Amino acid sequence: MLGRKERFDAVPFFWSQHYDAAISYVGHASAWDRTELSGDPSAGDCSVTYFKGERKLAVATLFRDLESLRAEVAFEQSIGACA
């Protein structure tokens, strides 16, 4: 990164607070072929997981910080396994 010949393999993440909604996104999914919804979006408590085949690409959550942190750890472990 920035001229160094090192691999940058940190798990991408994004979080934002919109009024009373805490939104988190972990991973990267520029294209996917299916999603899995957990929880109730209308109640403000849910997650969406993005997949390409059987590979989990990203997780977006609404008020599920612990789930986002667990997803980040899982992504970090899968990166380490591929390195």
PDB file of N, CA and C in Angstrom:
ATOM      1  N   MET A   1       0.844  -1.172   0.000  1.00  0.00           N
ATOM      2  CA  MET A   1       0.000   0.000   0.000  1.00  0.00           C
ATOM      3  C   MET A   1       0.889   1.235   0.000  1.00  0.00           C
ATOM      4  N   LEU A   2       0.540   2.198  -0.810  1.00  0.00           N
ATOM      5  CA  LEU A   2       1.283   3.453  -0.928  1.00  0.00           C
ATOM      6  C   LEU A   2       2.764   3.226  -1.212  1.00  0.00           C
ATOM      7  N   GLY A   3       3.032   2.415  -2.219  1.00  0.00           N
ATOM      8  CA  GLY A   3       4.391   2.189  -2.651  1.00  0.00           C
ATOM      9  C   GLY A   3       5.065   0.982  -2.037  1.00  0.00           C
ATOM     10  N   ARG A   4       4.525   0.479  -0.970  1.00  0.00           N
ATOM     11  CA  ARG A   4       5.106  -0.716  -0.368  1.00  0.00           C
ATOM     12  C   ARG A   4       4.600  -1.938  -1.116  1.00  0.00           C
ATOM     13  N   LYS A   5       5.425  -2.911  -1.213  1.00  0.00           N
ATOM     14  CA  LYS A   5       5.028  -4.142  -1.896  1.00  0.00           C
ATOM     15  C   LYS A   5       4.461  -5.118  -0.878  1.00  0.00           C
ATOM     16  N   GLU A   6       3.403  -4.675  -0.178  1.00  0.00           N
ATOM     17  CA  GLU A   6       2.744  -5.490   0.818  1.00  0.00           C
ATOM     18  C   GLU A   6       1.293  -5.712   0.421  1.00  0.00           C
ATOM     19  N   ARG A   7       0.807  -6.869   0.768  1.00  0.00           N
ATOM     20  CA  ARG A   7      -0.595  -7.183   0.504  1.00  0.00           C
ATOM     21  C   ARG A   7      -1.466  -6.524   1.578  1.00  0.00           C
ATOM     22  N   PHE A   8      -2.503  -5.839   1.161  1.00  0.00           N
ATOM     23  CA  PHE A   8      -3.462  -5.255   2.091  1.00  0.00           C
ATOM     24  C   PHE A   8      -4.636  -6.222   2.171  1.00  0.00           C
ATOM     25  N   ASP A   9      -4.805  -6.863   3.333  1.00  0.00           N
ATOM     26  CA  ASP A   9      -5.848  -7.878   3.435  1.00  0.00           C
ATOM     27  C   ASP A   9      -6.794  -7.656   4.613  1.00  0.00           C
ATOM     28  N   ALA A  10      -6.909  -6.411   5.049  1.00  0.00           N
ATOM     29  CA  ALA A  10      -7.875  -6.106   6.112  1.00  0.00           C
ATOM     30  C   ALA A  10      -9.298  -6.277   5.576  1.00  0.00           C
ATOM     31  N   VAL A  11     -10.184  -6.707   6.444  1.00  0.00           N
ATOM     32  CA  VAL A  11     -11.582  -6.898   6.062  1.00  0.00           C
ATOM     33  C   VAL A  11     -12.246  -5.528   5.938  1.00  0.00           C
ATOM     34  N   PRO A  12     -12.854  -5.215   4.781  1.00  0.00           N
ATOM     35  CA  PRO A  12     -13.527  -3.933   4.639  1.00  0.00           C
ATOM     36  C   PRO A  12     -14.747  -3.840   5.563  1.00  0.00           C
ATOM     37  N   PHE A  13     -14.985  -2.650   6.103  1.00  0.00           N
ATOM     38  CA  PHE A  13     -16.172  -2.451   6.923  1.00  0.00           C
ATOM     39  C   PHE A  13     -16.649  -1.015   6.783  1.00  0.00           C
ATOM     40  N   PHE A  14     -17.902  -0.829   7.094  1.00  0.00           N
ATOM     41  CA  PHE A  14     -18.531   0.482   7.052  1.00  0.00           C
ATOM     42  C   PHE A  14     -19.625   0.494   8.106  1.00  0.00           C
ATOM     43  N   TRP A  15     -19.759   1.580   8.809  1.00  0.00           N
ATOM     44  CA  TRP A  15     -20.888   1.727   9.730  1.00  0.00           C
ATOM     45  C   TRP A  15     -21.383   3.152   9.636  1.00  0.00           C
ATOM     46  N   SER A  16     -22.639   3.311   9.945  1.00  0.00           N
ATOM     47  CA  SER A  16     -23.239   4.635   9.884  1.00  0.00           C
ATOM     48  C   SER A  16     -24.420   4.705  10.840  1.00  0.00           C
ATOM     49  N   GLN A  17     -24.649   5.863  11.357  1.00  0.00           N
ATOM     50  CA  GLN A  17     -25.784   6.103  12.251  1.00  0.00           C
ATOM     51  C   GLN A  17     -26.715   7.081  11.542  1.00  0.00           C
ATOM     52  N   HIS A  18     -27.912   6.635  11.228  1.00  0.00           N
ATOM     53  CA  HIS A  18     -28.912   7.473  10.564  1.00  0.00           C
ATOM     54  C   HIS A  18     -30.080   7.657  11.524  1.00  0.00           C
ATOM     55  N   TYR A  19     -30.129   8.806  12.131  1.00  0.00           N
ATOM     56  CA  TYR A  19     -31.140   9.083  13.159  1.00  0.00           C
ATOM     57  C   TYR A  19     -31.058   7.980  14.214  1.00  0.00           C
ATOM     58  N   ASP A  20     -32.030   7.127  14.306  1.00  0.00           N
ATOM     59  CA  ASP A  20     -32.017   6.080  15.326  1.00  0.00           C
ATOM     60  C   ASP A  20     -31.579   4.716  14.784  1.00  0.00           C
ATOM     61  N   ALA A  21     -31.075   4.664  13.570  1.00  0.00           N
ATOM     62  CA  ALA A  21     -30.711   3.382  12.957  1.00  0.00           C
ATOM     63  C   ALA A  21     -29.191   3.225  12.877  1.00  0.00           C
ATOM     64  N   ALA A  22     -28.671   2.162  13.471  1.00  0.00           N
ATOM     65  CA  ALA A  22     -27.246   1.823  13.395  1.00  0.00           C
ATOM     66  C   ALA A  22     -27.067   0.770  12.307  1.00  0.00           C
ATOM     67  N   ILE A  23     -26.402   1.146  11.221  1.00  0.00           N
ATOM     68  CA  ILE A  23     -26.218   0.261  10.068  1.00  0.00           C
ATOM     69  C   ILE A  23     -24.737  -0.109   9.972  1.00  0.00           C
ATOM     70  N   SER A  24     -24.452  -1.399   9.816  1.00  0.00           N
ATOM     71  CA  SER A  24     -23.075  -1.882   9.657  1.00  0.00           C
ATOM     72  C   SER A  24     -22.989  -2.752   8.412  1.00  0.00           C
ATOM     73  N   TYR A  25     -21.832  -2.710   7.770  1.00  0.00           N
ATOM     74  CA  TYR A  25     -21.573  -3.528   6.581  1.00  0.00           C
ATOM     75  C   TYR A  25     -20.147  -4.049   6.695  1.00  0.00           C
ATOM     76  N   VAL A  26     -19.978  -5.356   6.602  1.00  0.00           N
ATOM     77  CA  VAL A  26     -18.665  -5.991   6.728  1.00  0.00           C
ATOM     78  C   VAL A  26     -18.451  -6.878   5.512  1.00  0.00           C
ATOM     79  N   GLY A  27     -17.276  -6.797   4.915  1.00  0.00           N
ATOM     80  CA  GLY A  27     -16.957  -7.597   3.740  1.00  0.00           C
ATOM     81  C   GLY A  27     -17.077  -6.757   2.481  1.00  0.00           C
ATOM     82  N   HIS A  28     -17.154  -7.433   1.354  1.00  0.00           N
ATOM     83  CA  HIS A  28     -17.285  -6.735   0.075  1.00  0.00           C
ATOM     84  C   HIS A  28     -18.041  -7.627  -0.904  1.00  0.00           C
ATOM     85  N   ALA A  29     -19.129  -7.106  -1.424  1.00  0.00           N
ATOM     86  CA  ALA A  29     -19.940  -7.851  -2.393  1.00  0.00           C
ATOM     87  C   ALA A  29     -20.315  -6.930  -3.543  1.00  0.00           C
ATOM     88  N   SER A  30     -19.480  -6.911  -4.577  1.00  0.00           N
ATOM     89  CA  SER A  30     -19.818  -6.104  -5.754  1.00  0.00           C
ATOM     90  C   SER A  30     -20.828  -6.826  -6.642  1.00  0.00           C
ATOM     91  N   ALA A  31     -20.890  -8.148  -6.512  1.00  0.00           N
ATOM     92  CA  ALA A  31     -21.877  -8.963  -7.232  1.00  0.00           C
ATOM     93  C   ALA A  31     -22.161 -10.195  -6.391  1.00  0.00           C
ATOM     94  N   TRP A  32     -23.399 -10.622  -6.374  1.00  0.00           N
ATOM     95  CA  TRP A  32     -23.787 -11.803  -5.594  1.00  0.00           C
ATOM     96  C   TRP A  32     -24.911 -12.498  -6.317  1.00  0.00           C
ATOM     97  N   ASP A  33     -25.139 -13.768  -5.951  1.00  0.00           N
ATOM     98  CA  ASP A  33     -26.221 -14.498  -6.605  1.00  0.00           C
ATOM     99  C   ASP A  33     -27.359 -14.864  -5.658  1.00  0.00           C
ATOM    100  N   ARG A  34     -27.150 -14.624  -4.347  1.00  0.00           N
ATOM    101  CA  ARG A  34     -28.265 -14.813  -3.421  1.00  0.00           C
ATOM    102  C   ARG A  34     -27.995 -14.069  -2.125  1.00  0.00           C
ATOM    103  N   THR A  35     -29.066 -13.841  -1.407  1.00  0.00           N
ATOM    104  CA  THR A  35     -28.981 -13.207  -0.097  1.00  0.00           C
ATOM    105  C   THR A  35     -29.802 -14.016   0.896  1.00  0.00           C
ATOM    106  N   GLU A  36     -29.458 -13.880   2.161  1.00  0.00           N
ATOM    107  CA  GLU A  36     -30.250 -14.476   3.236  1.00  0.00           C
ATOM    108  C   GLU A  36     -30.603 -13.374   4.222  1.00  0.00           C
ATOM    109  N   LEU A  37     -31.874 -13.252   4.534  1.00  0.00           N
ATOM    110  CA  LEU A  37     -32.367 -12.259   5.477  1.00  0.00           C
ATOM    111  C   LEU A  37     -32.653 -12.939   6.804  1.00  0.00           C
ATOM    112  N   SER A  38     -32.185 -12.322   7.878  1.00  0.00           N
ATOM    113  CA  SER A  38     -32.454 -12.812   9.218  1.00  0.00           C
ATOM    114  C   SER A  38     -33.057 -11.669  10.018  1.00  0.00           C
ATOM    115  N   GLY A  39     -34.145 -11.937  10.717  1.00  0.00           N
ATOM    116  CA  GLY A  39     -34.777 -10.901  11.530  1.00  0.00           C
ATOM    117  C   GLY A  39     -35.900 -10.198  10.801  1.00  0.00           C
ATOM    118  N   ASP A  40     -36.272  -9.049  11.367  1.00  0.00           N
ATOM    119  CA  ASP A  40     -37.419  -8.296  10.868  1.00  0.00           C
ATOM    120  C   ASP A  40     -37.019  -6.854  10.562  1.00  0.00           C
ATOM    121  N   PRO A  41     -36.840  -6.519   9.280  1.00  0.00           N
ATOM    122  CA  PRO A  41     -36.450  -5.157   8.931  1.00  0.00           C
ATOM    123  C   PRO A  41     -37.434  -4.095   9.433  1.00  0.00           C
ATOM    124  N   SER A  42     -38.715  -4.406   9.415  1.00  0.00           N
ATOM    125  CA  SER A  42     -39.700  -3.411   9.857  1.00  0.00           C
ATOM    126  C   SER A  42     -39.598  -3.139  11.356  1.00  0.00           C
ATOM    127  N   ALA A  43     -39.025  -4.095  12.104  1.00  0.00           N
ATOM    128  CA  ALA A  43     -38.818  -3.907  13.541  1.00  0.00           C
ATOM    129  C   ALA A  43     -37.448  -3.284  13.825  1.00  0.00           C
ATOM    130  N   GLY A  44     -36.639  -3.066  12.776  1.00  0.00           N
ATOM    131  CA  GLY A  44     -35.329  -2.473  12.961  1.00  0.00           C
ATOM    132  C   GLY A  44     -34.320  -3.411  13.577  1.00  0.00           C
ATOM    133  N   ASP A  45     -34.440  -4.701  13.302  1.00  0.00           N
ATOM    134  CA  ASP A  45     -33.521  -5.702  13.841  1.00  0.00           C
ATOM    135  C   ASP A  45     -33.352  -6.796  12.794  1.00  0.00           C
ATOM    136  N   CYS A  46     -32.293  -6.688  11.976  1.00  0.00           N
ATOM    137  CA  CYS A  46     -32.133  -7.667  10.915  1.00  0.00           C
ATOM    138  C   CYS A  46     -30.701  -7.706  10.410  1.00  0.00           C
ATOM    139  N   SER A  47     -30.427  -8.725   9.606  1.00  0.00           N
ATOM    140  CA  SER A  47     -29.163  -8.795   8.879  1.00  0.00           C
ATOM    141  C   SER A  47     -29.435  -9.385   7.502  1.00  0.00           C
ATOM    142  N   VAL A  48     -28.590  -8.997   6.558  1.00  0.00           N
ATOM    143  CA  VAL A  48     -28.633  -9.548   5.211  1.00  0.00           C
ATOM    144  C   VAL A  48     -27.235 -10.059   4.905  1.00  0.00           C
ATOM    145  N   THR A  49     -27.155 -11.324   4.501  1.00  0.00           N
ATOM    146  CA  THR A  49     -25.877 -11.923   4.138  1.00  0.00           C
ATOM    147  C   THR A  49     -25.864 -12.120   2.626  1.00  0.00           C
ATOM    148  N   TYR A  50     -24.756 -11.714   1.997  1.00  0.00           N
ATOM    149  CA  TYR A  50     -24.591 -11.782   0.543  1.00  0.00           C
ATOM    150  C   TYR A  50     -23.659 -12.937   0.196  1.00  0.00           C
ATOM    151  N   PHE A  51     -24.082 -13.768  -0.762  1.00  0.00           N
ATOM    152  CA  PHE A  51     -23.329 -14.957  -1.162  1.00  0.00           C
ATOM    153  C   PHE A  51     -23.067 -14.965  -2.660  1.00  0.00           C
ATOM    154  N   LYS A  52     -21.964 -15.572  -3.031  1.00  0.00           N
ATOM    155  CA  LYS A  52     -21.667 -15.948  -4.419  1.00  0.00           C
ATOM    156  C   LYS A  52     -21.407 -17.440  -4.354  1.00  0.00           C
ATOM    157  N   GLY A  53     -22.342 -18.241  -4.861  1.00  0.00           N
ATOM    158  CA  GLY A  53     -22.269 -19.683  -4.656  1.00  0.00           C
ATOM    159  C   GLY A  53     -22.448 -19.959  -3.173  1.00  0.00           C
ATOM    160  N   GLU A  54     -21.532 -20.702  -2.592  1.00  0.00           N
ATOM    161  CA  GLU A  54     -21.582 -20.979  -1.153  1.00  0.00           C
ATOM    162  C   GLU A  54     -20.683 -20.043  -0.355  1.00  0.00           C
ATOM    163  N   ARG A  55     -19.973 -19.156  -1.047  1.00  0.00           N
ATOM    164  CA  ARG A  55     -19.027 -18.255  -0.384  1.00  0.00           C
ATOM    165  C   ARG A  55     -19.739 -17.014   0.161  1.00  0.00           C
ATOM    166  N   LYS A  56     -19.590 -16.779   1.455  1.00  0.00           N
ATOM    167  CA  LYS A  56     -20.159 -15.586   2.082  1.00  0.00           C
ATOM    168  C   LYS A  56     -19.254 -14.404   1.752  1.00  0.00           C
ATOM    169  N   LEU A  57     -19.849 -13.345   1.162  1.00  0.00           N
ATOM    170  CA  LEU A  57     -19.077 -12.187   0.735  1.00  0.00           C
ATOM    171  C   LEU A  57     -19.169 -11.015   1.702  1.00  0.00           C
ATOM    172  N   ALA A  58     -20.359 -10.776   2.234  1.00  0.00           N
ATOM    173  CA  ALA A  58     -20.569  -9.602   3.079  1.00  0.00           C
ATOM    174  C   ALA A  58     -21.798  -9.792   3.945  1.00  0.00           C
ATOM    175  N   VAL A  59     -21.848  -9.001   5.016  1.00  0.00           N
ATOM    176  CA  VAL A  59     -22.986  -9.007   5.927  1.00  0.00           C
ATOM    177  C   VAL A  59     -23.354  -7.556   6.235  1.00  0.00           C
ATOM    178  N   ALA A  60     -24.614  -7.228   6.053  1.00  0.00           N
ATOM    179  CA  ALA A  60     -25.132  -5.916   6.434  1.00  0.00           C
ATOM    180  C   ALA A  60     -26.097  -6.123   7.594  1.00  0.00           C
ATOM    181  N   THR A  61     -25.970  -5.290   8.633  1.00  0.00           N
ATOM    182  CA  THR A  61     -26.826  -5.465   9.806  1.00  0.00           C
ATOM    183  C   THR A  61     -27.472  -4.151  10.215  1.00  0.00           C
ATOM    184  N   LEU A  62     -28.582  -4.285  10.865  1.00  0.00           N
ATOM    185  CA  LEU A  62     -29.299  -3.164  11.457  1.00  0.00           C
ATOM    186  C   LEU A  62     -29.461  -3.493  12.938  1.00  0.00           C
ATOM    187  N   PHE A  63     -28.755  -2.755  13.788  1.00  0.00           N
ATOM    188  CA  PHE A  63     -28.771  -2.963  15.237  1.00  0.00           C
ATOM    189  C   PHE A  63     -28.295  -4.346  15.662  1.00  0.00           C
ATOM    190  N   ARG A  64     -27.355  -4.921  14.943  1.00  0.00           N
ATOM    191  CA  ARG A  64     -26.789  -6.227  15.314  1.00  0.00           C
ATOM    192  C   ARG A  64     -25.265  -6.133  15.305  1.00  0.00           C
ATOM    193  N   ASP A  65     -24.729  -5.308  16.185  1.00  0.00           N
ATOM    194  CA  ASP A  65     -23.292  -5.078  16.222  1.00  0.00           C
ATOM    195  C   ASP A  65     -22.505  -6.358  16.490  1.00  0.00           C
ATOM    196  N   LEU A  66     -22.968  -7.186  17.410  1.00  0.00           N
ATOM    197  CA  LEU A  66     -22.258  -8.421  17.727  1.00  0.00           C
ATOM    198  C   LEU A  66     -22.190  -9.343  16.509  1.00  0.00           C
ATOM    199  N   GLU A  67     -23.265  -9.420  15.758  1.00  0.00           N
ATOM    200  CA  GLU A  67     -23.268 -10.241  14.543  1.00  0.00           C
ATOM    201  C   GLU A  67     -22.262  -9.699  13.525  1.00  0.00           C
ATOM    202  N   SER A  68     -22.177  -8.376  13.406  1.00  0.00           N
ATOM    203  CA  SER A  68     -21.199  -7.766  12.499  1.00  0.00           C
ATOM    204  C   SER A  68     -19.772  -8.088  12.928  1.00  0.00           C
ATOM    205  N   LEU A  69     -19.492  -8.004  14.229  1.00  0.00           N
ATOM    206  CA  LEU A  69     -18.161  -8.320  14.734  1.00  0.00           C
ATOM    207  C   LEU A  69     -17.808  -9.782  14.506  1.00  0.00           C
ATOM    208  N   ARG A  70     -18.766 -10.663  14.708  1.00  0.00           N
ATOM    209  CA  ARG A  70     -18.522 -12.090  14.451  1.00  0.00           C
ATOM    210  C   ARG A  70     -18.244 -12.349  12.974  1.00  0.00           C
ATOM    211  N   ALA A  71     -18.966 -11.659  12.101  1.00  0.00           N
ATOM    212  CA  ALA A  71     -18.734 -11.804  10.661  1.00  0.00           C
ATOM    213  C   ALA A  71     -17.335 -11.318  10.301  1.00  0.00           C
ATOM    214  N   GLU A  72     -16.909 -10.203  10.897  1.00  0.00           N
ATOM    215  CA  GLU A  72     -15.567  -9.691  10.619  1.00  0.00           C
ATOM    216  C   GLU A  72     -14.493 -10.705  11.029  1.00  0.00           C
ATOM    217  N   VAL A  73     -14.644 -11.303  12.197  1.00  0.00           N
ATOM    218  CA  VAL A  73     -13.684 -12.318  12.653  1.00  0.00           C
ATOM    219  C   VAL A  73     -13.666 -13.499  11.691  1.00  0.00           C
ATOM    220  N   ALA A  74     -14.837 -13.951  11.269  1.00  0.00           N
ATOM    221  CA  ALA A  74     -14.908 -15.077  10.327  1.00  0.00           C
ATOM    222  C   ALA A  74     -14.225 -14.735   8.996  1.00  0.00           C
ATOM    223  N   PHE A  75     -14.437 -13.511   8.502  1.00  0.00           N
ATOM    224  CA  PHE A  75     -13.784 -13.093   7.262  1.00  0.00           C
ATOM    225  C   PHE A  75     -12.261 -13.026   7.463  1.00  0.00           C
ATOM    226  N   GLU A  76     -11.811 -12.508   8.600  1.00  0.00           N
ATOM    227  CA  GLU A  76     -10.369 -12.455   8.881  1.00  0.00           C
ATOM    228  C   GLU A  76      -9.768 -13.841   8.894  1.00  0.00           C
ATOM    229  N   GLN A  77     -10.462 -14.790   9.492  1.00  0.00           N
ATOM    230  CA  GLN A  77      -9.949 -16.160   9.550  1.00  0.00           C
ATOM    231  C   GLN A  77      -9.899 -16.802   8.173  1.00  0.00           C
ATOM    232  N   SER A  78     -10.879 -16.484   7.323  1.00  0.00           N
ATOM    233  CA  SER A  78     -10.865 -17.068   5.978  1.00  0.00           C
ATOM    234  C   SER A  78      -9.754 -16.430   5.123  1.00  0.00           C
ATOM    235  N   ILE A  79      -9.430 -15.158   5.365  1.00  0.00           N
ATOM    236  CA  ILE A  79      -8.322 -14.517   4.652  1.00  0.00           C
ATOM    237  C   ILE A  79      -7.013 -15.158   5.072  1.00  0.00           C
ATOM    238  N   GLY A  80      -6.859 -15.394   6.370  1.00  0.00           N
ATOM    239  CA  GLY A  80      -5.652 -16.031   6.881  1.00  0.00           C
ATOM    240  C   GLY A  80      -5.464 -17.432   6.317  1.00  0.00           C
ATOM    241  N   ALA A  81      -6.561 -18.123   6.115  1.00  0.00           N
ATOM    242  CA  ALA A  81      -6.487 -19.479   5.567  1.00  0.00           C
ATOM    243  C   ALA A  81      -6.062 -19.470   4.108  1.00  0.00           C
ATOM    244  N   CYS A  82      -6.349 -18.371   3.407  1.00  0.00           N
ATOM    245  CA  CYS A  82      -6.023 -18.277   1.980  1.00  0.00           C
ATOM    246  C   CYS A  82      -4.628 -17.705   1.746  1.00  0.00           C
ATOM    247  N   ALA A  83      -4.024 -17.099   2.765  1.00  0.00           N
ATOM    248  CA  ALA A  83      -2.735 -16.432   2.586  1.00  0.00           C
ATOM    249  C   ALA A  83      -1.589 -17.421   2.484  1.00  0.00           C
TER     250      ALA A  83
END
